[in-house]
Amino acid sequence: MSAARIPVSDRWSRAGAWRLHPGCAMSLRPRDAAVLRIRRGRVWVTLGVPGAASPEGSGDRFLQPGDALLVPSGARLVMESLDLSADAPPVCFDWSDASPAGAGRFGREVLAPARESAAALVQAGLALARVVRGLLGYAEFLVAGRGRVLTSLESLRS
């Protein structure tokens, strides 16, 4: 059995459809509460909740299409496909935010895309800043020519 680890600490990496291939296991640890919904296939889920007050909070579960599981923040979820044959289709599941803001239609259709757009804009701004910083670092090289960097006194003589 091979293991895969998917980072789920970023809000924009959680939402959407995921696949789990037969013979593979996946470990997920949400920073905020999340919901696991099985769309196709059957899985064996082990949920570890730190400081669970009752045995129902942690343990093994078997989920099939249509089942949903609320995963509290800080919990560790390990999931494995129950179909072990190599030609079996992968398990398809959704991993989404369980916060109250994402529960309704407004949260799904307005707030979630707005958060994703804001995150994309932040990443684009950081990438642009890195490009500008890189170009400024090569400014001396480009001005000096022929691969030789002029010192500040040499550049004043020209």
Protein backbone atom coordinates (compact mmCIF):
# COMPACT_ATOMS: atom_id res chain seq x y z
CA MET A 1 0.00 0.00 0.00
CA SER A 2 1.39 3.40 -0.94
CA ALA A 3 0.57 6.53 1.02
CA ALA A 4 -0.18 10.01 -0.21
CA ARG A 5 -0.36 13.19 1.85
CA ILE A 6 -2.39 16.11 0.64
CA PRO A 7 -1.86 19.48 2.29
CA VAL A 8 -5.12 20.97 3.42
CA SER A 9 -3.90 23.92 5.42
CA ASP A 10 -4.74 26.43 2.70
CA ARG A 11 -8.38 27.33 2.20
CA TRP A 12 -8.24 27.13 -1.60
CA SER A 13 -6.74 23.64 -1.66
CA ARG A 14 -9.63 22.02 0.22
CA ALA A 15 -12.64 22.48 -1.98
CA GLY A 16 -13.39 20.34 -4.97
CA ALA A 17 -13.38 16.77 -6.15
CA TRP A 18 -10.54 14.44 -5.19
CA ARG A 19 -9.62 10.89 -6.16
CA LEU A 20 -8.19 8.02 -4.16
CA HIS A 21 -6.90 5.11 -6.22
CA PRO A 22 -7.20 1.48 -5.10
CA GLY A 23 -4.34 0.35 -2.89
CA CYS A 24 -3.53 3.90 -1.79
CA ALA A 25 -4.08 5.62 1.53
CA MET A 26 -4.48 9.33 2.19
CA SER A 27 -3.90 11.34 5.35
CA LEU A 28 -5.75 14.62 5.86
CA ARG A 29 -5.48 17.03 8.79
CA PRO A 30 -7.75 20.10 8.51
CA ARG A 31 -6.89 23.36 10.23
CA ASP A 32 -10.61 24.26 10.28
CA ALA A 33 -13.63 21.94 10.48
CA ALA A 34 -14.31 20.19 7.17
CA VAL A 35 -16.79 17.80 5.59
CA LEU A 36 -15.81 14.64 3.69
CA ARG A 37 -18.47 13.50 1.18
CA ILE A 38 -18.08 10.24 -0.71
CA ARG A 39 -19.28 10.49 -4.33
CA ARG A 40 -18.15 7.12 -5.75
CA GLY A 41 -16.62 4.02 -4.18
CA ARG A 42 -16.28 2.76 -0.64
CA VAL A 43 -13.64 3.81 1.90
CA TRP A 44 -12.32 2.84 5.29
CA VAL A 45 -11.73 5.96 7.38
CA THR A 46 -9.85 6.18 10.66
CA LEU A 47 -10.55 9.43 12.47
CA GLY A 48 -8.33 10.55 15.32
CA VAL A 49 -9.66 13.49 17.29
CA PRO A 50 -7.27 14.81 19.96
CA GLY A 51 -8.97 15.00 23.34
CA ALA A 52 -12.20 13.31 22.20
CA ALA A 53 -14.62 13.04 25.14
CA SER A 54 -16.25 9.86 23.85
CA PRO A 55 -15.24 6.87 21.71
CA GLU A 56 -17.68 8.04 19.03
CA GLY A 57 -15.40 11.03 18.38
CA SER A 58 -12.57 8.84 17.13
CA GLY A 59 -12.23 5.46 15.49
CA ASP A 60 -12.88 3.57 12.29
CA ARG A 61 -15.77 4.16 9.93
CA PHE A 62 -16.81 2.66 6.61
CA LEU A 63 -18.31 5.14 4.15
CA GLN A 64 -20.07 4.59 0.83
CA PRO A 65 -21.49 6.88 -1.86
CA GLY A 66 -23.73 9.57 -0.37
CA ASP A 67 -22.19 9.39 3.12
CA ALA A 68 -20.73 12.51 4.72
CA LEU A 69 -18.43 12.82 7.71
CA LEU A 70 -17.79 15.99 9.72
CA VAL A 71 -14.06 16.22 10.50
CA PRO A 72 -13.33 18.60 13.39
CA SER A 73 -10.41 21.01 13.24
CA GLY A 74 -7.12 19.48 14.34
CA ALA A 75 -8.33 15.92 13.76
CA ARG A 76 -6.34 13.45 11.70
CA LEU A 77 -8.19 11.43 9.09
CA VAL A 78 -6.64 8.46 7.28
CA MET A 79 -8.64 7.07 4.38
CA GLU A 80 -8.16 3.95 2.25
CA SER A 81 -10.18 2.54 -0.63
CA LEU A 82 -11.97 -0.73 0.15
CA ASP A 83 -11.70 -1.81 -3.51
CA LEU A 84 -8.23 -3.33 -3.76
CA SER A 85 -8.31 -4.65 -7.34
CA ALA A 86 -6.06 -2.74 -9.72
CA ASP A 87 -8.80 -2.30 -12.35
CA ALA A 88 -11.33 -0.81 -9.88
CA PRO A 89 -12.20 2.85 -10.48
CA PRO A 90 -10.81 5.38 -8.00
CA VAL A 91 -12.88 6.62 -5.09
CA CYS A 92 -14.20 10.12 -5.75
CA PHE A 93 -14.86 12.43 -2.81
CA ASP A 94 -15.33 16.08 -1.94
CA TRP A 95 -13.45 17.81 0.85
CA SER A 96 -15.10 21.12 1.74
CA ASP A 97 -15.12 23.76 4.44
CA ALA A 98 -17.67 23.19 7.21
CA SER A 99 -17.67 26.73 8.56
CA PRO A 100 -21.06 28.47 8.88
CA ALA A 101 -20.04 31.03 6.24
CA GLY A 102 -19.65 28.26 3.65
CA ALA A 103 -22.86 26.42 4.55
CA GLY A 104 -25.47 28.35 2.59
CA ARG A 105 -25.95 29.20 -1.06
CA PHE A 106 -24.46 32.69 -0.58
CA GLY A 107 -21.37 31.20 1.04
CA ARG A 108 -21.02 28.60 -1.71
CA GLU A 109 -21.64 30.88 -4.68
CA VAL A 110 -20.23 34.22 -3.44
CA LEU A 111 -18.00 33.93 -0.38
CA ALA A 112 -16.02 30.86 -1.44
CA PRO A 113 -15.16 32.20 -4.94
CA ALA A 114 -14.34 35.60 -3.40
CA ARG A 115 -11.90 33.95 -0.96
CA GLU A 116 -10.35 31.93 -3.78
CA SER A 117 -10.00 35.07 -5.94
CA ALA A 118 -8.41 36.99 -3.08
CA ALA A 119 -5.94 34.15 -2.50
CA ALA A 120 -5.11 34.06 -6.21
CA LEU A 121 -4.55 37.83 -6.27
CA VAL A 122 -2.24 37.60 -3.26
CA GLN A 123 -0.23 34.85 -4.95
CA ALA A 124 -0.07 36.84 -8.20
CA GLY A 125 1.14 39.92 -6.30
CA LEU A 126 3.84 37.90 -4.54
CA ALA A 127 4.95 36.39 -7.85
CA LEU A 128 5.14 39.84 -9.45
CA ALA A 129 7.21 41.14 -6.52
CA ARG A 130 9.62 38.22 -6.94
CA VAL A 131 9.97 38.95 -10.67
CA VAL A 132 10.68 42.64 -10.03
CA ARG A 133 13.20 41.77 -7.31
CA GLY A 134 14.89 39.32 -9.68
CA LEU A 135 15.09 41.90 -12.47
CA LEU A 136 16.52 44.51 -10.11
CA GLY A 137 19.15 42.01 -9.05
CA TYR A 138 20.26 41.65 -12.65
CA ALA A 139 20.29 45.40 -13.33
CA GLU A 140 24.01 45.76 -12.52
CA PHE A 141 24.83 42.79 -14.72
CA LEU A 142 22.85 44.18 -17.65
CA VAL A 143 24.36 47.68 -17.32
CA ALA A 144 27.95 46.46 -17.03
CA GLY A 145 27.79 44.27 -20.14
CA ARG A 146 29.97 41.31 -21.11
CA GLY A 147 29.25 39.59 -17.81
CA ARG A 148 31.42 41.93 -15.72
CA VAL A 149 29.79 43.86 -12.91
CA LEU A 150 31.14 47.39 -12.53
CA THR A 151 31.83 48.76 -9.09
CA SER A 152 30.12 51.96 -8.11
CA LEU A 153 33.30 54.04 -8.78
CA GLU A 154 33.83 52.47 -12.24
CA SER A 155 30.27 53.22 -13.27
CA LEU A 156 30.73 56.94 -12.37
CA ARG A 157 33.75 57.35 -14.71
CA SER A 158 31.81 56.53 -17.87
